């Protein structure tokens, strides 16, 4: 049979055990939470690479004449594939990016004033192909970024003389059609 004296000696041990369990639980929670934060420095570097690529891709697609609705949808697909959340607003002379990570520890807002784009079908098709290869997993982010720089650096495959003759021929053909 348990006496009152025995119960008094058990009670402090139980509360000490409970206190120790709560303390260990808090310590384990803190360690797990800090391990997430420790990985976020690398995540931040990756986030910076991703946002730079998305901004560069958006500016290039705008420059080459992509329609606003398509540009916003395409950038949204790329952002989702790369593991970030994003929102975009495209107008003929500006482009706004809002990009954030899952836990909102990394957020980025970029507004760019741009000149109205020219219609460059060659560069547009190459950029479109590059984004499709990235989305299908054929290219890594660094490879896609490198190819994006190459597309931006290349000039038109046709000179100004050939382009002028092509415009003149198209105008003449349209005039003949209209009578």
Protein backbone atom coordinates (compact mmCIF):
# COMPACT_ATOMS: atom_id res chain seq x y z
CA UNK A 1 0.00 0.00 0.00
CA UNK A 2 1.15 3.52 -0.83
CA UNK A 3 1.47 5.99 1.95
CA UNK A 4 1.25 9.77 1.65
CA UNK A 5 4.98 9.95 2.14
CA UNK A 6 5.52 7.69 -0.88
CA UNK A 7 3.16 9.76 -3.05
CA UNK A 8 5.03 12.93 -2.19
CA UNK A 9 8.29 11.40 -3.36
CA UNK A 10 6.73 10.20 -6.65
CA UNK A 11 5.12 13.52 -7.53
CA UNK A 12 8.35 15.56 -7.87
CA UNK A 13 9.84 12.87 -10.07
CA UNK A 14 6.81 12.93 -12.35
CA UNK A 15 6.87 16.72 -12.72
CA UNK A 16 10.61 16.64 -13.30
CA UNK A 17 10.10 13.99 -15.97
CA UNK A 18 7.35 16.02 -17.57
CA UNK A 19 9.51 19.15 -17.47
CA UNK A 20 12.39 17.23 -19.06
CA UNK A 21 10.12 15.85 -21.81
CA UNK A 22 8.78 19.31 -22.64
CA UNK A 23 12.30 20.74 -22.63
CA UNK A 24 13.55 17.96 -24.96
CA UNK A 25 10.58 18.44 -27.27
CA UNK A 26 11.33 22.17 -27.53
CA UNK A 27 15.02 21.47 -28.12
CA UNK A 28 14.26 18.97 -30.91
CA UNK A 29 11.79 21.39 -32.50
CA UNK A 30 14.38 24.17 -32.36
CA UNK A 31 17.07 21.94 -33.91
CA UNK A 32 14.75 20.89 -36.74
CA UNK A 33 13.71 24.49 -37.36
CA UNK A 34 17.35 25.65 -37.39
CA UNK A 35 18.23 22.92 -39.88
CA UNK A 36 15.65 24.44 -42.24
CA UNK A 37 17.23 27.86 -41.78
CA UNK A 38 20.71 26.47 -42.35
CA UNK A 39 19.64 25.27 -45.79
CA UNK A 40 17.98 28.58 -46.63
CA UNK A 41 21.31 30.32 -47.35
CA UNK A 42 21.82 27.93 -50.24
CA UNK A 43 18.15 28.29 -51.11
CA UNK A 44 18.61 32.06 -51.23
CA UNK A 45 21.47 31.74 -53.70
CA UNK A 46 19.35 29.43 -55.84
CA UNK A 47 16.40 31.84 -55.52
CA UNK A 48 18.58 34.69 -56.79
CA UNK A 49 19.67 32.62 -59.82
CA UNK A 50 16.06 31.67 -60.57
CA UNK A 51 14.73 35.22 -60.30
CA UNK A 52 17.53 36.62 -62.47
CA UNK A 53 16.76 34.04 -65.15
CA UNK A 54 13.01 34.71 -65.04
CA UNK A 55 13.54 38.49 -65.30
CA UNK A 56 15.98 38.07 -68.20
CA UNK A 57 13.64 35.65 -69.99
CA UNK A 58 10.69 38.01 -69.50
CA UNK A 59 12.58 41.01 -70.84
CA UNK A 60 13.77 39.07 -73.88
CA UNK A 61 10.33 37.66 -74.68
CA UNK A 62 8.91 41.19 -74.38
CA UNK A 63 11.68 42.58 -76.60
CA UNK A 64 11.01 40.02 -79.34
CA UNK A 65 7.28 40.74 -79.52
CA UNK A 66 5.52 38.11 -77.41
CA UNK A 67 1.89 39.11 -76.67
CA UNK A 68 1.21 40.10 -73.04
CA UNK A 69 -1.15 37.22 -72.20
CA UNK A 70 1.28 34.66 -73.59
CA UNK A 71 4.28 36.24 -71.87
CA UNK A 72 2.57 36.19 -68.47
CA UNK A 73 1.41 32.59 -68.91
CA UNK A 74 4.81 31.42 -70.12
CA UNK A 75 6.70 33.09 -67.28
CA UNK A 76 4.21 31.57 -64.83
CA UNK A 77 4.92 28.09 -66.19
CA UNK A 78 8.68 28.62 -65.96
CA UNK A 79 8.40 29.97 -62.40
CA UNK A 80 6.26 27.02 -61.31
CA UNK A 81 8.71 24.57 -62.90
CA UNK A 82 11.66 26.23 -61.15
CA UNK A 83 9.89 26.00 -57.77
CA UNK A 84 8.94 29.60 -57.04
CA UNK A 85 5.65 31.46 -56.95
CA UNK A 86 5.28 34.46 -59.21
CA UNK A 87 2.93 37.07 -60.57
CA UNK A 88 3.51 39.17 -63.68
CA UNK A 89 2.01 42.23 -65.32
CA UNK A 90 2.97 42.99 -68.90
CA UNK A 91 2.12 46.13 -70.86
CA UNK A 92 3.56 47.37 -74.16
CA UNK A 93 6.12 49.54 -72.33
CA UNK A 94 6.63 47.89 -68.93
CA UNK A 95 7.00 44.56 -67.22
CA UNK A 96 6.43 43.89 -63.51
CA UNK A 97 7.66 40.77 -61.71
CA UNK A 98 6.76 39.61 -58.20
CA UNK A 99 8.55 36.39 -57.23
CA UNK A 100 8.54 34.63 -53.85
CA UNK A 101 9.54 31.31 -52.32
CA UNK A 102 7.29 28.82 -50.53
CA UNK A 103 7.94 30.08 -47.00
CA UNK A 104 8.09 33.76 -48.09
CA UNK A 105 11.60 34.20 -46.68
CA UNK A 106 12.74 35.23 -50.15
CA UNK A 107 10.65 37.78 -52.01
CA UNK A 108 11.51 39.92 -55.01
CA UNK A 109 9.71 42.71 -56.83
CA UNK A 110 11.04 44.11 -60.11
CA UNK A 111 9.42 46.73 -62.33
CA UNK A 112 11.09 47.46 -65.67
CA UNK A 113 10.30 50.22 -68.12
CA UNK A 114 10.87 48.78 -71.58
CA UNK A 115 10.74 50.08 -75.11
CA UNK A 116 8.00 48.54 -77.23
CA UNK A 117 9.37 45.31 -78.63
CA UNK A 118 10.25 44.59 -82.22
CA UNK A 119 8.92 41.52 -83.90
CA UNK A 120 11.97 39.24 -84.23
CA UNK A 121 10.53 35.85 -85.15
CA UNK A 122 13.93 34.11 -85.25
CA UNK A 123 14.95 35.20 -81.74
CA UNK A 124 11.40 34.63 -80.48
CA UNK A 125 11.32 31.07 -81.80
CA UNK A 126 14.79 30.33 -80.35
CA UNK A 127 13.77 31.75 -76.96
CA UNK A 128 10.51 29.81 -77.07
CA UNK A 129 12.41 26.62 -77.91
CA UNK A 130 14.85 27.27 -75.06
CA UNK A 131 12.02 27.68 -72.54
CA UNK A 132 10.35 24.49 -73.81
CA UNK A 133 13.61 22.56 -73.39
CA UNK A 134 13.98 23.94 -69.87
CA UNK A 135 10.41 22.94 -68.98
CA UNK A 136 10.94 19.44 -70.38
CA UNK A 137 14.11 18.98 -68.32
CA UNK A 138 16.52 18.87 -71.26
CA UNK A 139 18.38 21.95 -70.00
CA UNK A 140 19.56 23.00 -66.57
CA UNK A 141 19.05 26.55 -65.36
CA UNK A 142 22.70 27.49 -65.98
CA UNK A 143 22.66 26.01 -69.50
CA UNK A 144 19.43 27.85 -70.30
CA UNK A 145 20.89 31.11 -68.97
CA UNK A 146 23.98 30.67 -71.13
CA UNK A 147 21.88 30.01 -74.25
CA UNK A 148 19.69 32.99 -73.46
CA UNK A 149 22.80 35.19 -73.50
CA UNK A 150 23.81 33.69 -76.86
CA UNK A 151 20.38 34.39 -78.36
CA UNK A 152 20.50 37.97 -77.09
CA UNK A 153 23.98 38.54 -78.56
CA UNK A 154 23.22 37.21 -82.03
CA UNK A 155 22.03 39.57 -84.70
CA UNK A 156 19.38 39.17 -87.32
CA UNK A 157 20.14 36.36 -89.79
CA UNK A 158 19.24 38.71 -92.65
CA UNK A 159 20.79 42.07 -93.39
CA UNK A 160 18.87 45.32 -93.66
CA UNK A 161 18.98 45.15 -97.46
CA UNK A 162 17.30 41.73 -97.62
CA UNK A 163 14.73 42.79 -95.02
CA UNK A 164 13.90 45.94 -97.00
CA UNK A 165 13.45 43.96 -100.24
CA UNK A 166 11.22 41.46 -98.41
CA UNK A 167 9.01 44.28 -97.07
CA UNK A 168 8.76 45.80 -100.55
CA UNK A 169 7.80 42.46 -102.10
CA UNK A 170 5.20 41.79 -99.41
CA UNK A 171 3.71 45.25 -99.94
CA UNK A 172 3.60 44.73 -103.71
CA UNK A 173 1.97 41.32 -103.34
CA UNK A 174 -0.68 42.74 -101.02
CA UNK A 175 -1.37 45.61 -103.47
CA UNK A 176 -1.85 43.07 -106.28
CA UNK A 177 -4.29 41.08 -104.14
CA UNK A 178 -6.34 44.18 -103.37
CA UNK A 179 -6.48 45.09 -107.07
